[in-house]
Amino acid sequence: MHATRRPVQPLRHVLFDLDGTLIDSVRLTCTIIEQMLADRGIAFTADRATARAMDAIGGEAMIAAVMGPHCRDPKVEISEFRVRHAVAVTPSDLAFPGVADGLAALARAGIGMAICSNKPQHLCEKILVDLGLGRHFSAIVGARPDLPRKPAPDGALLALAALGGDENGTIYVGDSPVDVATAQAAGLDIALVAWGYGIDAARAAAPAAPLLHDLATLLD
């Protein structure tokens, strides 16, 4: 079921998904997995298409799919992956082209922004700080033990509350069906990024959603 669109309100707040929306996280994900296996004496090239397809799901399911027959215990593998991720160098160009400029334009326009992601909280914070993007966000809500994962609306509502906003004048920006379902559950309109990992399935789930080729067009 598609959310009913409300009359257009002046844009005041934007909630962003992170992986596949603002950053090309699959590049770093695959590099870490390849290094994990190299340290076990296994030469392996992670399939980027599989990683992109599983990105919105994440966690144990993602690690099992990408590692394939080399995955031993997904719980152990994802734990090691996250430990390595926490100390991995973040490529300076990990943000998608135009994202830094688009976020800066929104900030200059006085738009309040927050992150709502299924990536662990500390990894969201690390990557955004490493890329110099953290300053744009009044709230960063990542995965936490006490917070249901998307598509549950809890994270989006927590981020929105931190911004002091409500559904009027707020839009959720993502790239996957998980993001579409999250926005609908939180009562928010959604826009989709054209470069996103899950964009085809997301557009099928929300055919009326605006398709962004540049984040700054949110101001139009």
C-alpha atoms as a PDB file:
ATOM      1  CA  MET A   1       0.000   0.000   0.000  1.00  0.00           C
ATOM      2  CA  HIS A   2       1.381   3.399  -0.948  1.00  0.00           C
ATOM      3  CA  ALA A   3       1.348   6.329   1.464  1.00  0.00           C
ATOM      4  CA  THR A   4      -1.154   9.091   0.702  1.00  0.00           C
ATOM      5  CA  ARG A   5       0.693  12.240  -0.260  1.00  0.00           C
ATOM      6  CA  ARG A   6      -0.105  15.347   1.749  1.00  0.00           C
ATOM      7  CA  PRO A   7      -0.340  18.894   0.385  1.00  0.00           C
ATOM      8  CA  VAL A   8       3.143  20.283  -0.262  1.00  0.00           C
ATOM      9  CA  GLN A   9       4.670  21.936   2.819  1.00  0.00           C
ATOM     10  CA  PRO A  10       7.829  24.058   2.943  1.00  0.00           C
ATOM     11  CA  LEU A  11      10.772  21.705   3.443  1.00  0.00           C
ATOM     12  CA  ARG A  12      12.200  21.966   6.953  1.00  0.00           C
ATOM     13  CA  HIS A  13      13.747  18.590   7.759  1.00  0.00           C
ATOM     14  CA  VAL A  14      15.287  15.676   5.842  1.00  0.00           C
ATOM     15  CA  LEU A  15      16.016  12.195   7.175  1.00  0.00           C
ATOM     16  CA  PHE A  16      18.645  10.306   5.190  1.00  0.00           C
ATOM     17  CA  ASP A  17      19.440   6.654   4.890  1.00  0.00           C
ATOM     18  CA  LEU A  18      23.226   6.201   4.768  1.00  0.00           C
ATOM     19  CA  ASP A  19      24.462   3.118   2.868  1.00  0.00           C
ATOM     20  CA  GLY A  20      23.554   3.214  -0.807  1.00  0.00           C
ATOM     21  CA  THR A  21      22.059   6.675  -0.385  1.00  0.00           C
ATOM     22  CA  LEU A  22      24.877   8.948   0.771  1.00  0.00           C
ATOM     23  CA  ILE A  23      27.855   6.597   0.677  1.00  0.00           C
ATOM     24  CA  ASP A  24      29.029   3.819  -1.637  1.00  0.00           C
ATOM     25  CA  SER A  25      29.551   1.540   1.348  1.00  0.00           C
ATOM     26  CA  VAL A  26      29.764  -1.660  -0.707  1.00  0.00           C
ATOM     27  CA  ARG A  27      33.296  -0.713  -1.773  1.00  0.00           C
ATOM     28  CA  LEU A  28      34.487  -0.728   1.833  1.00  0.00           C
ATOM     29  CA  THR A  29      32.358  -3.739   2.784  1.00  0.00           C
ATOM     30  CA  CYS A  30      33.875  -5.890   0.053  1.00  0.00           C
ATOM     31  CA  THR A  31      37.410  -4.746   0.823  1.00  0.00           C
ATOM     32  CA  ILE A  32      37.028  -5.735   4.477  1.00  0.00           C
ATOM     33  CA  ILE A  33      35.538  -9.132   3.623  1.00  0.00           C
ATOM     34  CA  GLU A  34      38.305  -9.829   1.127  1.00  0.00           C
ATOM     35  CA  GLN A  35      40.910  -8.982   3.769  1.00  0.00           C
ATOM     36  CA  MET A  36      39.189 -11.210   6.332  1.00  0.00           C
ATOM     37  CA  LEU A  37      39.468 -14.155   3.985  1.00  0.00           C
ATOM     38  CA  ALA A  38      42.972 -13.259   2.789  1.00  0.00           C
ATOM     39  CA  ASP A  39      44.110 -13.489   6.405  1.00  0.00           C
ATOM     40  CA  ARG A  40      42.795 -17.066   6.399  1.00  0.00           C
ATOM     41  CA  GLY A  41      44.753 -17.852   3.261  1.00  0.00           C
ATOM     42  CA  ILE A  42      41.717 -17.647   0.978  1.00  0.00           C
ATOM     43  CA  ALA A  43      41.980 -15.635  -2.235  1.00  0.00           C
ATOM     44  CA  PHE A  44      38.505 -14.200  -2.758  1.00  0.00           C
ATOM     45  CA  THR A  45      36.898 -11.393  -4.709  1.00  0.00           C
ATOM     46  CA  ALA A  46      33.612 -10.351  -3.146  1.00  0.00           C
ATOM     47  CA  ASP A  47      30.775  -9.970  -5.614  1.00  0.00           C
ATOM     48  CA  ARG A  48      29.760  -6.317  -5.624  1.00  0.00           C
ATOM     49  CA  ALA A  49      26.322  -7.022  -7.072  1.00  0.00           C
ATOM     50  CA  THR A  50      25.505  -9.432  -4.235  1.00  0.00           C
ATOM     51  CA  ALA A  51      26.751  -6.913  -1.692  1.00  0.00           C
ATOM     52  CA  ARG A  52      24.596  -4.163  -3.190  1.00  0.00           C
ATOM     53  CA  ALA A  53      21.535  -6.413  -3.242  1.00  0.00           C
ATOM     54  CA  MET A  54      22.001  -7.349   0.419  1.00  0.00           C
ATOM     55  CA  ASP A  55      23.057  -3.934   1.661  1.00  0.00           C
ATOM     56  CA  ALA A  56      19.646  -2.801   2.926  1.00  0.00           C
ATOM     57  CA  ILE A  57      19.248  -6.069   4.859  1.00  0.00           C
ATOM     58  CA  GLY A  58      22.749  -6.025   6.291  1.00  0.00           C
ATOM     59  CA  GLY A  59      23.957  -7.951   9.306  1.00  0.00           C
ATOM     60  CA  GLU A  60      24.329 -11.719   9.319  1.00  0.00           C
ATOM     61  CA  ALA A  61      22.311 -12.214   6.135  1.00  0.00           C
ATOM     62  CA  MET A  62      24.550  -9.828   4.221  1.00  0.00           C
ATOM     63  CA  ILE A  63      27.807 -11.327   5.453  1.00  0.00           C
ATOM     64  CA  ALA A  64      26.607 -14.871   4.720  1.00  0.00           C
ATOM     65  CA  ALA A  65      25.526 -13.977   1.189  1.00  0.00           C
ATOM     66  CA  VAL A  66      28.696 -12.094   0.285  1.00  0.00           C
ATOM     67  CA  MET A  67      31.112 -14.609   1.832  1.00  0.00           C
ATOM     68  CA  GLY A  68      29.203 -17.536   0.333  1.00  0.00           C
ATOM     69  CA  PRO A  69      30.783 -20.937   1.011  1.00  0.00           C
ATOM     70  CA  HIS A  70      33.588 -19.282   2.988  1.00  0.00           C
ATOM     71  CA  CYS A  71      31.177 -18.101   5.701  1.00  0.00           C
ATOM     72  CA  ARG A  72      31.554 -20.195   8.834  1.00  0.00           C
ATOM     73  CA  ASP A  73      29.232 -18.826  11.535  1.00  0.00           C
ATOM     74  CA  PRO A  74      27.442 -15.638  10.407  1.00  0.00           C
ATOM     75  CA  LYS A  75      27.281 -14.327  13.989  1.00  0.00           C
ATOM     76  CA  VAL A  76      31.047 -14.688  14.355  1.00  0.00           C
ATOM     77  CA  GLU A  77      31.747 -13.359  10.871  1.00  0.00           C
ATOM     78  CA  ILE A  78      29.667 -10.198  11.286  1.00  0.00           C
ATOM     79  CA  SER A  79      31.312  -9.562  14.651  1.00  0.00           C
ATOM     80  CA  GLU A  80      34.786  -9.772  13.120  1.00  0.00           C
ATOM     81  CA  PHE A  81      33.652  -7.658  10.179  1.00  0.00           C
ATOM     82  CA  ARG A  82      32.442  -4.880  12.479  1.00  0.00           C
ATOM     83  CA  VAL A  83      35.626  -4.920  14.548  1.00  0.00           C
ATOM     84  CA  ARG A  84      37.663  -4.500  11.379  1.00  0.00           C
ATOM     85  CA  HIS A  85      35.261  -1.869  10.039  1.00  0.00           C
ATOM     86  CA  ALA A  86      35.733   0.218  13.175  1.00  0.00           C
ATOM     87  CA  VAL A  87      39.460   0.635  12.472  1.00  0.00           C
ATOM     88  CA  ALA A  88      39.396   0.555   8.659  1.00  0.00           C
ATOM     89  CA  VAL A  89      40.476   3.646   6.765  1.00  0.00           C
ATOM     90  CA  THR A  90      37.448   5.336   5.215  1.00  0.00           C
ATOM     91  CA  PRO A  91      38.175   6.188   1.567  1.00  0.00           C
ATOM     92  CA  SER A  92      37.952   9.941   1.146  1.00  0.00           C
ATOM     93  CA  ASP A  93      35.720   9.492  -1.899  1.00  0.00           C
ATOM     94  CA  LEU A  94      33.290   7.026  -0.295  1.00  0.00           C
ATOM     95  CA  ALA A  95      30.407   9.515  -0.530  1.00  0.00           C
ATOM     96  CA  PHE A  96      28.590   9.371  -3.856  1.00  0.00           C
ATOM     97  CA  PRO A  97      29.444  12.182  -6.299  1.00  0.00           C
ATOM     98  CA  GLY A  98      27.580  15.371  -5.461  1.00  0.00           C
ATOM     99  CA  VAL A  99      26.545  14.287  -1.966  1.00  0.00           C
ATOM    100  CA  ALA A 100      28.912  16.619  -0.097  1.00  0.00           C
ATOM    101  CA  ASP A 101      27.844  19.614  -2.185  1.00  0.00           C
ATOM    102  CA  GLY A 102      24.166  18.676  -1.896  1.00  0.00           C
ATOM    103  CA  LEU A 103      24.308  18.396   1.892  1.00  0.00           C
ATOM    104  CA  ALA A 104      26.141  21.712   2.114  1.00  0.00           C
ATOM    105  CA  ALA A 105      23.447  23.386  -0.002  1.00  0.00           C
ATOM    106  CA  LEU A 106      20.718  22.018   2.254  1.00  0.00           C
ATOM    107  CA  ALA A 107      22.598  23.183   5.343  1.00  0.00           C
ATOM    108  CA  ARG A 108      23.001  26.688   3.913  1.00  0.00           C
ATOM    109  CA  ALA A 109      19.255  26.772   3.313  1.00  0.00           C
ATOM    110  CA  GLY A 110      18.646  26.043   6.985  1.00  0.00           C
ATOM    111  CA  ILE A 111      17.287  22.516   6.487  1.00  0.00           C
ATOM    112  CA  GLY A 112      17.604  20.297   9.563  1.00  0.00           C
ATOM    113  CA  MET A 113      19.092  16.913   8.728  1.00  0.00           C
ATOM    114  CA  ALA A 114      19.440  13.539  10.441  1.00  0.00           C
ATOM    115  CA  ILE A 115      20.629  10.030   9.605  1.00  0.00           C
ATOM    116  CA  CYS A 116      18.410   6.958  10.023  1.00  0.00           C
ATOM    117  CA  SER A 117      20.399   3.810   9.236  1.00  0.00           C
ATOM    118  CA  ASN A 118      20.604   0.096   9.995  1.00  0.00           C
ATOM    119  CA  LYS A 119      24.400   0.410  10.133  1.00  0.00           C
ATOM    120  CA  PRO A 120      25.684   0.182  13.735  1.00  0.00           C
ATOM    121  CA  GLN A 121      25.663   3.533  15.502  1.00  0.00           C
ATOM    122  CA  HIS A 122      29.418   3.812  16.016  1.00  0.00           C
ATOM    123  CA  LEU A 123      30.125   2.995  12.367  1.00  0.00           C
ATOM    124  CA  CYS A 124      27.658   5.639  11.148  1.00  0.00           C
ATOM    125  CA  GLU A 125      29.380   8.213  13.320  1.00  0.00           C
ATOM    126  CA  LYS A 126      32.887   7.141  12.291  1.00  0.00           C
ATOM    127  CA  ILE A 127      32.247   7.259   8.562  1.00  0.00           C
ATOM    128  CA  LEU A 128      30.430  10.591   8.629  1.00  0.00           C
ATOM    129  CA  VAL A 129      33.184  12.168  10.724  1.00  0.00           C
ATOM    130  CA  ASP A 130      35.911  10.655   8.541  1.00  0.00           C
ATOM    131  CA  LEU A 131      34.245  12.116   5.443  1.00  0.00           C
ATOM    132  CA  GLY A 132      33.735  15.523   7.049  1.00  0.00           C
ATOM    133  CA  LEU A 133      29.962  15.207   6.707  1.00  0.00           C
ATOM    134  CA  GLY A 134      28.998  14.718  10.342  1.00  0.00           C
ATOM    135  CA  ARG A 135      28.659  18.452  10.935  1.00  0.00           C
ATOM    136  CA  HIS A 136      25.569  18.587   8.727  1.00  0.00           C
ATOM    137  CA  PHE A 137      23.490  16.272  10.928  1.00  0.00           C
ATOM    138  CA  SER A 138      21.738  17.258  14.133  1.00  0.00           C
ATOM    139  CA  ALA A 139      21.082  13.582  14.879  1.00  0.00           C
ATOM    140  CA  ILE A 140      22.647  10.307  13.769  1.00  0.00           C
ATOM    141  CA  VAL A 141      20.481   7.293  14.522  1.00  0.00           C
ATOM    142  CA  GLY A 142      22.109   3.981  13.695  1.00  0.00           C
ATOM    143  CA  ALA A 143      21.461   0.413  14.793  1.00  0.00           C
ATOM    144  CA  ARG A 144      21.461  -0.090  18.549  1.00  0.00           C
ATOM    145  CA  PRO A 145      20.608  -3.108  20.712  1.00  0.00           C
ATOM    146  CA  ASP A 146      17.498  -1.400  22.098  1.00  0.00           C
ATOM    147  CA  LEU A 147      16.210  -0.018  18.788  1.00  0.00           C
ATOM    148  CA  PRO A 148      14.204  -2.074  16.257  1.00  0.00           C
ATOM    149  CA  ARG A 149      15.784  -2.151  12.823  1.00  0.00           C
ATOM    150  CA  LYS A 150      14.204  -0.542   9.796  1.00  0.00           C
ATOM    151  CA  PRO A 151      11.593  -0.920   8.366  1.00  0.00           C
ATOM    152  CA  ALA A 152      10.289  -0.432  11.913  1.00  0.00           C
ATOM    153  CA  PRO A 153       9.655   3.317  12.229  1.00  0.00           C
ATOM    154  CA  ASP A 154      11.353   3.709  15.623  1.00  0.00           C
ATOM    155  CA  GLY A 155      14.671   5.027  14.324  1.00  0.00           C
ATOM    156  CA  ALA A 156      13.043   7.487  11.948  1.00  0.00           C
ATOM    157  CA  LEU A 157      10.750   8.791  14.658  1.00  0.00           C
ATOM    158  CA  LEU A 158      13.679   9.113  17.063  1.00  0.00           C
ATOM    159  CA  ALA A 159      15.659  11.083  14.492  1.00  0.00           C
ATOM    160  CA  LEU A 160      12.665  13.287  13.740  1.00  0.00           C
ATOM    161  CA  ALA A 161      12.119  13.992  17.422  1.00  0.00           C
ATOM    162  CA  ALA A 162      15.785  14.966  17.772  1.00  0.00           C
ATOM    163  CA  LEU A 163      15.260  17.503  14.981  1.00  0.00           C
ATOM    164  CA  GLY A 164      12.181  18.860  16.736  1.00  0.00           C
ATOM    165  CA  GLY A 165      10.087  18.142  13.662  1.00  0.00           C
ATOM    166  CA  ASP A 166       7.026  16.214  12.599  1.00  0.00           C
ATOM    167  CA  GLU A 167       5.738  14.695   9.377  1.00  0.00           C
ATOM    168  CA  ASN A 168       4.809  18.116   7.957  1.00  0.00           C
ATOM    169  CA  GLY A 169       7.704  19.622   6.038  1.00  0.00           C
ATOM    170  CA  THR A 170       9.822  16.479   6.470  1.00  0.00           C
ATOM    171  CA  ILE A 171      10.943  14.045   3.793  1.00  0.00           C
ATOM    172  CA  TYR A 172      12.809  10.766   4.077  1.00  0.00           C
ATOM    173  CA  VAL A 173      15.486  10.111   1.442  1.00  0.00           C
ATOM    174  CA  GLY A 174      16.563   6.552   0.699  1.00  0.00           C
ATOM    175  CA  ASP A 175      17.312   4.003  -1.980  1.00  0.00           C
ATOM    176  CA  SER A 176      15.598   0.708  -1.110  1.00  0.00           C
ATOM    177  CA  PRO A 177      12.227  -0.923  -0.417  1.00  0.00           C
ATOM    178  CA  VAL A 178      13.289  -1.009   3.252  1.00  0.00           C
ATOM    179  CA  ASP A 179      13.481   2.788   3.156  1.00  0.00           C
ATOM    180  CA  VAL A 180      10.103   3.037   1.455  1.00  0.00           C
ATOM    181  CA  ALA A 181       8.531   0.831   4.128  1.00  0.00           C
ATOM    182  CA  THR A 182      10.262   2.801   6.895  1.00  0.00           C
ATOM    183  CA  ALA A 183       8.970   6.110   5.592  1.00  0.00           C
ATOM    184  CA  GLN A 184       5.448   4.740   5.245  1.00  0.00           C
ATOM    185  CA  ALA A 185       5.523   3.290   8.763  1.00  0.00           C
ATOM    186  CA  ALA A 186       6.691   6.651  10.147  1.00  0.00           C
ATOM    187  CA  GLY A 187       4.069   8.598   8.175  1.00  0.00           C
ATOM    188  CA  LEU A 188       6.662  10.396   6.054  1.00  0.00           C
ATOM    189  CA  ASP A 189       6.857  11.157   2.351  1.00  0.00           C
ATOM    190  CA  ILE A 190       9.882   9.678   0.607  1.00  0.00           C
ATOM    191  CA  ALA A 191      12.246  10.688  -2.158  1.00  0.00           C
ATOM    192  CA  LEU A 192      14.623   8.224  -3.823  1.00  0.00           C
ATOM    193  CA  VAL A 193      18.176   8.761  -5.040  1.00  0.00           C
ATOM    194  CA  ALA A 194      18.703   7.761  -8.660  1.00  0.00           C
ATOM    195  CA  TRP A 195      22.104   6.212  -7.923  1.00  0.00           C
ATOM    196  CA  GLY A 196      20.905   4.002  -5.050  1.00  0.00           C
ATOM    197  CA  TYR A 197      21.655   0.307  -4.725  1.00  0.00           C
ATOM    198  CA  GLY A 198      18.029  -0.789  -4.528  1.00  0.00           C
ATOM    199  CA  ILE A 199      16.512   1.911  -6.659  1.00  0.00           C
ATOM    200  CA  ASP A 200      14.615  -0.307  -9.120  1.00  0.00           C
ATOM    201  CA  ALA A 201      12.780  -2.201  -6.382  1.00  0.00           C
ATOM    202  CA  ALA A 202      12.267   1.006  -4.417  1.00  0.00           C
ATOM    203  CA  ARG A 203      10.642   2.736  -7.400  1.00  0.00           C
ATOM    204  CA  ALA A 204       8.356  -0.253  -7.855  1.00  0.00           C
ATOM    205  CA  ALA A 205       7.335   0.068  -4.195  1.00  0.00           C
ATOM    206  CA  ALA A 206       6.832   3.844  -4.414  1.00  0.00           C
ATOM    207  CA  PRO A 207       6.253   4.806  -8.057  1.00  0.00           C
ATOM    208  CA  ALA A 208       5.065   8.308  -7.178  1.00  0.00           C
ATOM    209  CA  ALA A 209       8.155   9.164  -5.113  1.00  0.00           C
ATOM    210  CA  PRO A 210      10.383  11.937  -6.502  1.00  0.00           C
ATOM    211  CA  LEU A 211      13.604  10.633  -8.058  1.00  0.00           C
ATOM    212  CA  LEU A 212      16.613  12.739  -7.108  1.00  0.00           C
ATOM    213  CA  HIS A 213      19.609  13.119  -9.395  1.00  0.00           C
ATOM    214  CA  ASP A 214      21.055  15.774  -7.079  1.00  0.00           C
ATOM    215  CA  LEU A 215      20.308  16.250  -3.378  1.00  0.00           C
ATOM    216  CA  ALA A 216      20.091  20.001  -3.808  1.00  0.00           C
ATOM    217  CA  THR A 217      16.934  19.552  -5.892  1.00  0.00           C
ATOM    218  CA  LEU A 218      15.131  18.878  -2.603  1.00  0.00           C
ATOM    219  CA  LEU A 219      15.087  22.665  -2.291  1.00  0.00           C
ATOM    220  CA  ASP A 220      13.033  23.109  -5.478  1.00  0.00           C
END
